[in-house]
Amino acid sequence: KSKIRQLQRELAQSRMMASIPEADVVITNPEHFSVALKYE
């Protein structure tokens, strides 16, 4: 179960990273947090 959760996190994270180039802005903390926003 732990391995499955890890794979799910990695898959979700890879999909999330693929969406960053489409973002309009990345708001940072600047070191601890980063949030990418997109507006149509």
All heavy atoms as atom14 arrays in JSON, in Angstrom:
{
  "sequence": "KSKIRQLQRELAQSRMMASIPEADVVITNPEHFSVALKYE",
  "atom14_mask": [
    [1, 1, 1, 1, 1, 1, 1, 1, 1, 0, 0, 0, 0, 0],
    [1, 1, 1, 1, 1, 1, 0, 0, 0, 0, 0, 0, 0, 0],
    [1, 1, 1, 1, 1, 1, 1, 1, 1, 0, 0, 0, 0, 0],
    [1, 1, 1, 1, 1, 1, 1, 1, 0, 0, 0, 0, 0, 0],
    [1, 1, 1, 1, 1, 1, 1, 1, 1, 1, 1, 0, 0, 0],
    [1, 1, 1, 1, 1, 1, 1, 1, 1, 0, 0, 0, 0, 0],
    [1, 1, 1, 1, 1, 1, 1, 1, 0, 0, 0, 0, 0, 0],
    [1, 1, 1, 1, 1, 1, 1, 1, 1, 0, 0, 0, 0, 0],
    [1, 1, 1, 1, 1, 1, 1, 1, 1, 1, 1, 0, 0, 0],
    [1, 1, 1, 1, 1, 1, 1, 1, 1, 0, 0, 0, 0, 0],
    [1, 1, 1, 1, 1, 1, 1, 1, 0, 0, 0, 0, 0, 0],
    [1, 1, 1, 1, 1, 0, 0, 0, 0, 0, 0, 0, 0, 0],
    [1, 1, 1, 1, 1, 1, 1, 1, 1, 0, 0, 0, 0, 0],
    [1, 1, 1, 1, 1, 1, 0, 0, 0, 0, 0, 0, 0, 0],
    [1, 1, 1, 1, 1, 1, 1, 1, 1, 1, 1, 0, 0, 0],
    [1, 1, 1, 1, 1, 1, 1, 1, 0, 0, 0, 0, 0, 0],
    [1, 1, 1, 1, 1, 1, 1, 1, 0, 0, 0, 0, 0, 0],
    [1, 1, 1, 1, 1, 0, 0, 0, 0, 0, 0, 0, 0, 0],
    [1, 1, 1, 1, 1, 1, 0, 0, 0, 0, 0, 0, 0, 0],
    [1, 1, 1, 1, 1, 1, 1, 1, 0, 0, 0, 0, 0, 0],
    [1, 1, 1, 1, 1, 1, 1, 0, 0, 0, 0, 0, 0, 0],
    [1, 1, 1, 1, 1, 1, 1, 1, 1, 0, 0, 0, 0, 0],
    [1, 1, 1, 1, 1, 0, 0, 0, 0, 0, 0, 0, 0, 0],
    [1, 1, 1, 1, 1, 1, 1, 1, 0, 0, 0, 0, 0, 0],
    [1, 1, 1, 1, 1, 1, 1, 0, 0, 0, 0, 0, 0, 0],
    [1, 1, 1, 1, 1, 1, 1, 0, 0, 0, 0, 0, 0, 0],
    [1, 1, 1, 1, 1, 1, 1, 1, 0, 0, 0, 0, 0, 0],
    [1, 1, 1, 1, 1, 1, 1, 0, 0, 0, 0, 0, 0, 0],
    [1, 1, 1, 1, 1, 1, 1, 1, 0, 0, 0, 0, 0, 0],
    [1, 1, 1, 1, 1, 1, 1, 0, 0, 0, 0, 0, 0, 0],
    [1, 1, 1, 1, 1, 1, 1, 1, 1, 0, 0, 0, 0, 0],
    [1, 1, 1, 1, 1, 1, 1, 1, 1, 1, 0, 0, 0, 0],
    [1, 1, 1, 1, 1, 1, 1, 1, 1, 1, 1, 0, 0, 0],
    [1, 1, 1, 1, 1, 1, 0, 0, 0, 0, 0, 0, 0, 0],
    [1, 1, 1, 1, 1, 1, 1, 0, 0, 0, 0, 0, 0, 0],
    [1, 1, 1, 1, 1, 0, 0, 0, 0, 0, 0, 0, 0, 0],
    [1, 1, 1, 1, 1, 1, 1, 1, 0, 0, 0, 0, 0, 0],
    [1, 1, 1, 1, 1, 1, 1, 1, 1, 0, 0, 0, 0, 0],
    [1, 1, 1, 1, 1, 1, 1, 1, 1, 1, 1, 1, 0, 0],
    [1, 1, 1, 1, 1, 1, 1, 1, 1, 0, 0, 0, 0, 0]
  ],
  "atom14_positions": [
    [[0.83, -1.2, 0.0], [0.0, 0.0, 0.0], [0.86, 1.25, 0.0], [0.54, 2.24, -0.67], [-0.92, -0.01, 1.22], [-2.0, -1.08, 1.16], [-2.79, -1.15, 2.44], [-3.61, 0.09, 2.66], [-4.44, 0.0, 3.88], [0.0, 0.0, 0.0], [0.0, 0.0, 0.0], [0.0, 0.0, 0.0], [0.0, 0.0, 0.0], [0.0, 0.0, 0.0]],
    [[1.97, 1.21, 0.77], [2.86, 2.36, 0.8], [3.5, 2.61, -0.56], [3.61, 3.76, -1.01], [3.95, 2.14, 1.86], [4.88, 3.2, 1.85], [0.0, 0.0, 0.0], [0.0, 0.0, 0.0], [0.0, 0.0, 0.0], [0.0, 0.0, 0.0], [0.0, 0.0, 0.0], [0.0, 0.0, 0.0], [0.0, 0.0, 0.0], [0.0, 0.0, 0.0]],
    [[3.88, 1.51, -1.24], [4.48, 1.66, -2.56], [3.47, 2.21, -3.56], [3.81, 3.07, -4.4], [4.99, 0.29, -3.03], [5.72, 0.33, -4.37], [7.01, 1.13, -4.28], [7.78, 1.08, -5.58], [9.03, 1.88, -5.53], [0.0, 0.0, 0.0], [0.0, 0.0, 0.0], [0.0, 0.0, 0.0], [0.0, 0.0, 0.0], [0.0, 0.0, 0.0]],
    [[2.21, 1.74, -3.46], [1.16, 2.24, -4.36], [0.92, 3.72, -4.14], [0.79, 4.5, -5.1], [-0.13, 1.43, -4.16], [0.07, -0.01, -4.64], [-1.3, 2.08, -4.9], [-1.1, -0.92, -4.35], [0.0, 0.0, 0.0], [0.0, 0.0, 0.0], [0.0, 0.0, 0.0], [0.0, 0.0, 0.0], [0.0, 0.0, 0.0], [0.0, 0.0, 0.0]],
    [[0.86, 4.13, -2.86], [0.66, 5.56, -2.57], [1.82, 6.39, -3.1], [1.62, 7.5, -3.61], [0.48, 5.76, -1.07], [-0.88, 5.34, -0.54], [-1.12, 5.89, 0.84], [-0.19, 5.34, 1.81], [-0.42, 4.28, 2.55], [-1.57, 3.63, 2.44], [0.47, 3.84, 3.43], [0.0, 0.0, 0.0], [0.0, 0.0, 0.0], [0.0, 0.0, 0.0]],
    [[3.03, 5.85, -2.99], [4.19, 6.59, -3.49], [4.11, 6.75, -5.01], [4.37, 7.84, -5.54], [5.47, 5.84, -3.1], [6.73, 6.54, -3.58], [7.99, 5.75, -3.23], [7.92, 4.77, -2.49], [9.12, 6.17, -3.78], [0.0, 0.0, 0.0], [0.0, 0.0, 0.0], [0.0, 0.0, 0.0], [0.0, 0.0, 0.0], [0.0, 0.0, 0.0]],
    [[3.74, 5.67, -5.69], [3.6, 5.76, -7.15], [2.5, 6.73, -7.55], [2.63, 7.48, -8.53], [3.33, 4.38, -7.73], [4.48, 3.35, -7.62], [4.02, 1.98, -8.09], [5.69, 3.82, -8.42], [0.0, 0.0, 0.0], [0.0, 0.0, 0.0], [0.0, 0.0, 0.0], [0.0, 0.0, 0.0], [0.0, 0.0, 0.0], [0.0, 0.0, 0.0]],
    [[1.4, 6.72, -6.79], [0.31, 7.65, -7.09], [0.76, 9.09, -6.9], [0.41, 9.97, -7.69], [-0.89, 7.34, -6.2], [-1.6, 6.04, -6.55], [-2.69, 5.7, -5.57], [-2.71, 6.2, -4.43], [-3.61, 4.84, -5.98], [0.0, 0.0, 0.0], [0.0, 0.0, 0.0], [0.0, 0.0, 0.0], [0.0, 0.0, 0.0], [0.0, 0.0, 0.0]],
    [[1.52, 9.33, -5.83], [2.03, 10.69, -5.6], [2.96, 11.12, -6.72], [2.92, 12.26, -7.2], [2.74, 10.76, -4.24], [1.8, 10.76, -3.05], [2.53, 11.18, -1.8], [3.64, 10.28, -1.49], [3.54, 9.23, -0.68], [2.38, 8.94, -0.12], [4.59, 8.47, -0.43], [0.0, 0.0, 0.0], [0.0, 0.0, 0.0], [0.0, 0.0, 0.0]],
    [[3.85, 10.19, -7.13], [4.78, 10.53, -8.2], [4.04, 10.81, -9.5], [4.4, 11.73, -10.25], [5.78, 9.39, -8.39], [6.74, 9.21, -7.21], [7.66, 8.03, -7.4], [7.48, 7.29, -8.4], [8.56, 7.82, -6.56], [0.0, 0.0, 0.0], [0.0, 0.0, 0.0], [0.0, 0.0, 0.0], [0.0, 0.0, 0.0], [0.0, 0.0, 0.0]],
    [[3.01, 10.01, -9.8], [2.24, 10.23, -11.02], [1.5, 11.56, -10.98], [1.5, 12.32, -11.97], [1.25, 9.08, -11.22], [0.4, 9.11, -12.49], [1.3, 9.07, -13.72], [-0.58, 7.95, -12.52], [0.0, 0.0, 0.0], [0.0, 0.0, 0.0], [0.0, 0.0, 0.0], [0.0, 0.0, 0.0], [0.0, 0.0, 0.0], [0.0, 0.0, 0.0]],
    [[0.89, 11.85, -9.83], [0.18, 13.13, -9.69], [1.16, 14.3, -9.77], [0.86, 15.35, -10.37], [-0.58, 13.15, -8.37], [0.0, 0.0, 0.0], [0.0, 0.0, 0.0], [0.0, 0.0, 0.0], [0.0, 0.0, 0.0], [0.0, 0.0, 0.0], [0.0, 0.0, 0.0], [0.0, 0.0, 0.0], [0.0, 0.0, 0.0], [0.0, 0.0, 0.0]],
    [[2.32, 14.1, -9.18], [3.31, 15.18, -9.21], [3.83, 15.43, -10.62], [4.04, 16.58, -11.03], [4.47, 14.82, -8.28], [5.53, 15.91, -8.17], [6.59, 15.55, -7.15], [6.33, 14.87, -6.18], [7.81, 16.0, -7.38], [0.0, 0.0, 0.0], [0.0, 0.0, 0.0], [0.0, 0.0, 0.0], [0.0, 0.0, 0.0], [0.0, 0.0, 0.0]],
    [[4.02, 14.34, -11.4], [4.5, 14.52, -12.77], [3.45, 15.24, -13.62], [3.79, 16.09, -14.46], [4.84, 13.16, -13.38], [3.69, 12.34, -13.46], [0.0, 0.0, 0.0], [0.0, 0.0, 0.0], [0.0, 0.0, 0.0], [0.0, 0.0, 0.0], [0.0, 0.0, 0.0], [0.0, 0.0, 0.0], [0.0, 0.0, 0.0], [0.0, 0.0, 0.0]],
    [[2.16, 14.91, -13.41], [1.11, 15.63, -14.15], [1.07, 17.09, -13.74], [0.83, 17.98, -14.57], [-0.25, 14.96, -13.89], [-0.42, 13.62, -14.57], [-1.89, 13.24, -14.64], [-2.46, 13.13, -13.29], [-2.6, 12.0, -12.63], [-2.18, 10.86, -13.17], [-3.15, 11.97, -11.44], [0.0, 0.0, 0.0], [0.0, 0.0, 0.0], [0.0, 0.0, 0.0]],
    [[1.28, 17.34, -12.44], [1.26, 18.71, -11.95], [2.41, 19.51, -12.55], [2.23, 20.66, -12.99], [1.35, 18.71, -10.41], [1.35, 20.09, -9.78], [1.6, 20.02, -8.0], [3.33, 19.53, -7.92], [0.0, 0.0, 0.0], [0.0, 0.0, 0.0], [0.0, 0.0, 0.0], [0.0, 0.0, 0.0], [0.0, 0.0, 0.0], [0.0, 0.0, 0.0]],
    [[3.61, 18.9, -12.6], [4.76, 19.6, -13.14], [4.57, 19.9, -14.63], [5.05, 20.94, -15.13], [6.04, 18.77, -12.94], [6.42, 18.57, -11.47], [6.7, 20.14, -10.61], [7.11, 19.56, -8.96], [0.0, 0.0, 0.0], [0.0, 0.0, 0.0], [0.0, 0.0, 0.0], [0.0, 0.0, 0.0], [0.0, 0.0, 0.0], [0.0, 0.0, 0.0]],
    [[3.87, 19.03, -15.34], [3.64, 19.26, -16.76], [2.7, 20.43, -17.02], [2.66, 20.96, -18.14], [3.07, 17.99, -17.4], [0.0, 0.0, 0.0], [0.0, 0.0, 0.0], [0.0, 0.0, 0.0], [0.0, 0.0, 0.0], [0.0, 0.0, 0.0], [0.0, 0.0, 0.0], [0.0, 0.0, 0.0], [0.0, 0.0, 0.0], [0.0, 0.0, 0.0]],
    [[1.95, 20.83, -16.0], [1.01, 21.95, -16.16], [1.64, 23.31, -15.88], [1.04, 24.34, -16.18], [-0.2, 21.75, -15.23], [-0.85, 20.54, -15.49], [0.0, 0.0, 0.0], [0.0, 0.0, 0.0], [0.0, 0.0, 0.0], [0.0, 0.0, 0.0], [0.0, 0.0, 0.0], [0.0, 0.0, 0.0], [0.0, 0.0, 0.0], [0.0, 0.0, 0.0]],
    [[2.84, 23.32, -15.29], [3.46, 24.58, -14.89], [3.77, 25.49, -16.1], [3.54, 26.71, -16.02], [4.73, 24.31, -14.07], [4.36, 23.62, -12.75], [5.5, 25.61, -13.78], [5.54, 23.19, -11.92], [0.0, 0.0, 0.0], [0.0, 0.0, 0.0], [0.0, 0.0, 0.0], [0.0, 0.0, 0.0], [0.0, 0.0, 0.0], [0.0, 0.0, 0.0]],
    [[4.27, 24.97, -17.22], [4.54, 25.88, -18.36], [3.3, 26.63, -18.86], [3.44, 27.68, -19.5], [5.08, 24.93, -19.44], [5.66, 23.79, -18.68], [4.77, 23.61, -17.5], [0.0, 0.0, 0.0], [0.0, 0.0, 0.0], [0.0, 0.0, 0.0], [0.0, 0.0, 0.0], [0.0, 0.0, 0.0], [0.0, 0.0, 0.0], [0.0, 0.0, 0.0]],
    [[2.11, 26.13, -18.59], [0.89, 26.79, -19.02], [0.42, 27.84, -18.02], [-0.57, 28.54, -18.29], [-0.21, 25.75, -19.23], [0.15, 24.67, -20.26], [-0.93, 23.61, -20.35], [-1.94, 23.73, -19.61], [-0.77, 22.66, -21.15], [0.0, 0.0, 0.0], [0.0, 0.0, 0.0], [0.0, 0.0, 0.0], [0.0, 0.0, 0.0], [0.0, 0.0, 0.0]],
    [[1.08, 27.94, -16.86], [0.64, 28.88, -15.83], [0.94, 30.32, -16.24], [1.86, 30.59, -17.04], [1.32, 28.56, -14.5], [0.0, 0.0, 0.0], [0.0, 0.0, 0.0], [0.0, 0.0, 0.0], [0.0, 0.0, 0.0], [0.0, 0.0, 0.0], [0.0, 0.0, 0.0], [0.0, 0.0, 0.0], [0.0, 0.0, 0.0], [0.0, 0.0, 0.0]],
    [[0.16, 31.26, -15.68], [0.38, 32.69, -15.95], [1.35, 33.31, -14.96], [2.06, 34.26, -15.3], [-0.97, 33.44, -15.87], [-1.9, 33.03, -17.0], [-1.46, 33.02, -18.16], [-3.07, 32.7, -16.72], [0.0, 0.0, 0.0], [0.0, 0.0, 0.0], [0.0, 0.0, 0.0], [0.0, 0.0, 0.0], [0.0, 0.0, 0.0], [0.0, 0.0, 0.0]],
    [[1.4, 32.73, -13.74], [2.3, 33.28, -12.72], [2.53, 32.21, -11.67], [1.68, 31.35, -11.42], [1.69, 34.55, -12.07], [0.4, 34.22, -11.33], [2.69, 35.22, -11.12], [0.0, 0.0, 0.0], [0.0, 0.0, 0.0], [0.0, 0.0, 0.0], [0.0, 0.0, 0.0], [0.0, 0.0, 0.0], [0.0, 0.0, 0.0], [0.0, 0.0, 0.0]],
    [[3.72, 32.26, -11.07], [4.05, 31.41, -9.93], [4.32, 32.32, -8.75], [5.26, 33.13, -8.78], [5.26, 30.51, -10.22], [5.68, 29.76, -8.96], [4.95, 29.52, -11.34], [0.0, 0.0, 0.0], [0.0, 0.0, 0.0], [0.0, 0.0, 0.0], [0.0, 0.0, 0.0], [0.0, 0.0, 0.0], [0.0, 0.0, 0.0], [0.0, 0.0, 0.0]],
    [[3.51, 32.2, -7.72], [3.66, 33.02, -6.51], [4.46, 32.22, -5.52], [4.15, 31.06, -5.23], [2.27, 33.4, -5.94], [1.41, 34.07, -7.01], [2.41, 34.3, -4.73], [-0.02, 34.32, -6.58], [0.0, 0.0, 0.0], [0.0, 0.0, 0.0], [0.0, 0.0, 0.0], [0.0, 0.0, 0.0], [0.0, 0.0, 0.0], [0.0, 0.0, 0.0]],
    [[5.51, 32.83, -4.96], [6.42, 32.12, -4.07], [6.44, 32.74, -2.69], [5.99, 33.86, -2.48], [7.85, 32.13, -4.64], [8.33, 33.48, -4.67], [7.87, 31.56, -6.05], [0.0, 0.0, 0.0], [0.0, 0.0, 0.0], [0.0, 0.0, 0.0], [0.0, 0.0, 0.0], [0.0, 0.0, 0.0], [0.0, 0.0, 0.0], [0.0, 0.0, 0.0]],
    [[7.04, 31.98, -1.75], [7.06, 32.39, -0.34], [8.23, 33.27, 0.1], [8.05, 33.98, 1.12], [7.0, 31.14, 0.54], [6.75, 31.47, 1.99], [6.04, 32.41, 2.31], [7.35, 30.71, 2.88], [0.0, 0.0, 0.0], [0.0, 0.0, 0.0], [0.0, 0.0, 0.0], [0.0, 0.0, 0.0], [0.0, 0.0, 0.0], [0.0, 0.0, 0.0]],
    [[9.42, 33.18, -0.37], [9.9, 32.63, -1.64], [10.5, 31.24, -1.59], [10.76, 30.66, -2.63], [10.97, 33.62, -2.02], [11.55, 34.04, -0.72], [10.42, 34.05, 0.26], [0.0, 0.0, 0.0], [0.0, 0.0, 0.0], [0.0, 0.0, 0.0], [0.0, 0.0, 0.0], [0.0, 0.0, 0.0], [0.0, 0.0, 0.0], [0.0, 0.0, 0.0]],
    [[10.79, 30.68, -0.39], [11.54, 29.42, -0.35], [10.67, 28.23, 0.02], [10.86, 27.13, -0.49], [12.7, 29.54, 0.65], [13.74, 30.57, 0.24], [14.83, 30.69, 1.28], [14.72, 30.0, 2.31], [15.79, 31.45, 1.06], [0.0, 0.0, 0.0], [0.0, 0.0, 0.0], [0.0, 0.0, 0.0], [0.0, 0.0, 0.0], [0.0, 0.0, 0.0]],
    [[9.73, 28.44, 0.92], [8.98, 27.3, 1.45], [7.79, 26.9, 0.59], [7.46, 25.71, 0.53], [8.5, 27.6, 2.88], [9.62, 27.84, 3.84], [10.48, 26.84, 4.23], [10.03, 28.96, 4.48], [11.37, 27.32, 5.07], [11.12, 28.62, 5.25], [0.0, 0.0, 0.0], [0.0, 0.0, 0.0], [0.0, 0.0, 0.0], [0.0, 0.0, 0.0]],
    [[7.13, 27.84, -0.05], [5.91, 27.54, -0.8], [5.99, 28.14, -2.2], [6.53, 29.23, -2.38], [4.67, 28.1, -0.09], [4.49, 27.57, 1.31], [4.81, 28.36, 2.4], [4.02, 26.29, 1.53], [4.65, 27.89, 3.69], [3.86, 25.81, 2.81], [4.18, 26.6, 3.9], [0.0, 0.0, 0.0], [0.0, 0.0, 0.0], [0.0, 0.0, 0.0]],
    [[5.38, 27.41, -3.15], [5.22, 27.92, -4.51], [3.84, 27.51, -5.02], [3.42, 26.36, -4.83], [6.3, 27.36, -5.45], [7.57, 27.86, -5.1], [0.0, 0.0, 0.0], [0.0, 0.0, 0.0], [0.0, 0.0, 0.0], [0.0, 0.0, 0.0], [0.0, 0.0, 0.0], [0.0, 0.0, 0.0], [0.0, 0.0, 0.0], [0.0, 0.0, 0.0]],
    [[3.16, 28.46, -5.67], [1.81, 28.21, -6.17], [1.74, 28.74, -7.6], [2.03, 29.91, -7.85], [0.74, 28.9, -5.3], [-0.64, 28.65, -5.89], [0.81, 28.41, -3.87], [0.0, 0.0, 0.0], [0.0, 0.0, 0.0], [0.0, 0.0, 0.0], [0.0, 0.0, 0.0], [0.0, 0.0, 0.0], [0.0, 0.0, 0.0], [0.0, 0.0, 0.0]],
    [[1.35, 27.88, -8.55], [1.23, 28.28, -9.94], [-0.25, 28.49, -10.27], [-1.07, 27.61, -10.01], [1.82, 27.21, -10.86], [0.0, 0.0, 0.0], [0.0, 0.0, 0.0], [0.0, 0.0, 0.0], [0.0, 0.0, 0.0], [0.0, 0.0, 0.0], [0.0, 0.0, 0.0], [0.0, 0.0, 0.0], [0.0, 0.0, 0.0], [0.0, 0.0, 0.0]],
    [[-0.57, 29.66, -10.82], [-1.94, 30.02, -11.15], [-2.11, 30.19, -12.65], [-1.21, 30.67, -13.34], [-2.35, 31.32, -10.44], [-2.3, 31.33, -8.91], [-2.68, 32.7, -8.38], [-3.23, 30.27, -8.34], [0.0, 0.0, 0.0], [0.0, 0.0, 0.0], [0.0, 0.0, 0.0], [0.0, 0.0, 0.0], [0.0, 0.0, 0.0], [0.0, 0.0, 0.0]],
    [[-3.29, 29.79, -13.11], [-3.63, 29.97, -14.52], [-5.01, 30.58, -14.61], [-5.93, 30.18, -13.9], [-3.6, 28.62, -15.25], [-3.94, 28.73, -16.73], [-3.92, 27.35, -17.39], [-4.27, 27.46, -18.87], [-4.29, 26.14, -19.54], [0.0, 0.0, 0.0], [0.0, 0.0, 0.0], [0.0, 0.0, 0.0], [0.0, 0.0, 0.0], [0.0, 0.0, 0.0]],
    [[-5.13, 31.57, -15.53], [-6.42, 32.24, -15.69], [-6.77, 32.31, -17.17], [-5.98, 32.77, -17.99], [-6.37, 33.65, -15.09], [-7.66, 34.43, -15.28], [-8.84, 33.98, -14.72], [-7.68, 35.59, -16.04], [-10.03, 34.67, -14.89], [-8.87, 36.3, -16.22], [-10.04, 35.83, -15.65], [-11.22, 36.51, -15.82], [0.0, 0.0, 0.0], [0.0, 0.0, 0.0]],
    [[-7.97, 31.79, -17.48], [-8.46, 31.85, -18.85], [-9.22, 33.16, -19.04], [-10.31, 33.34, -18.47], [-9.39, 30.66, -19.15], [-8.7, 29.31, -19.1], [-7.77, 29.1, -20.27], [-7.85, 29.88, -21.25], [-6.94, 28.16, -20.22], [0.0, 0.0, 0.0], [0.0, 0.0, 0.0], [0.0, 0.0, 0.0], [0.0, 0.0, 0.0], [0.0, 0.0, 0.0]]
  ]
}
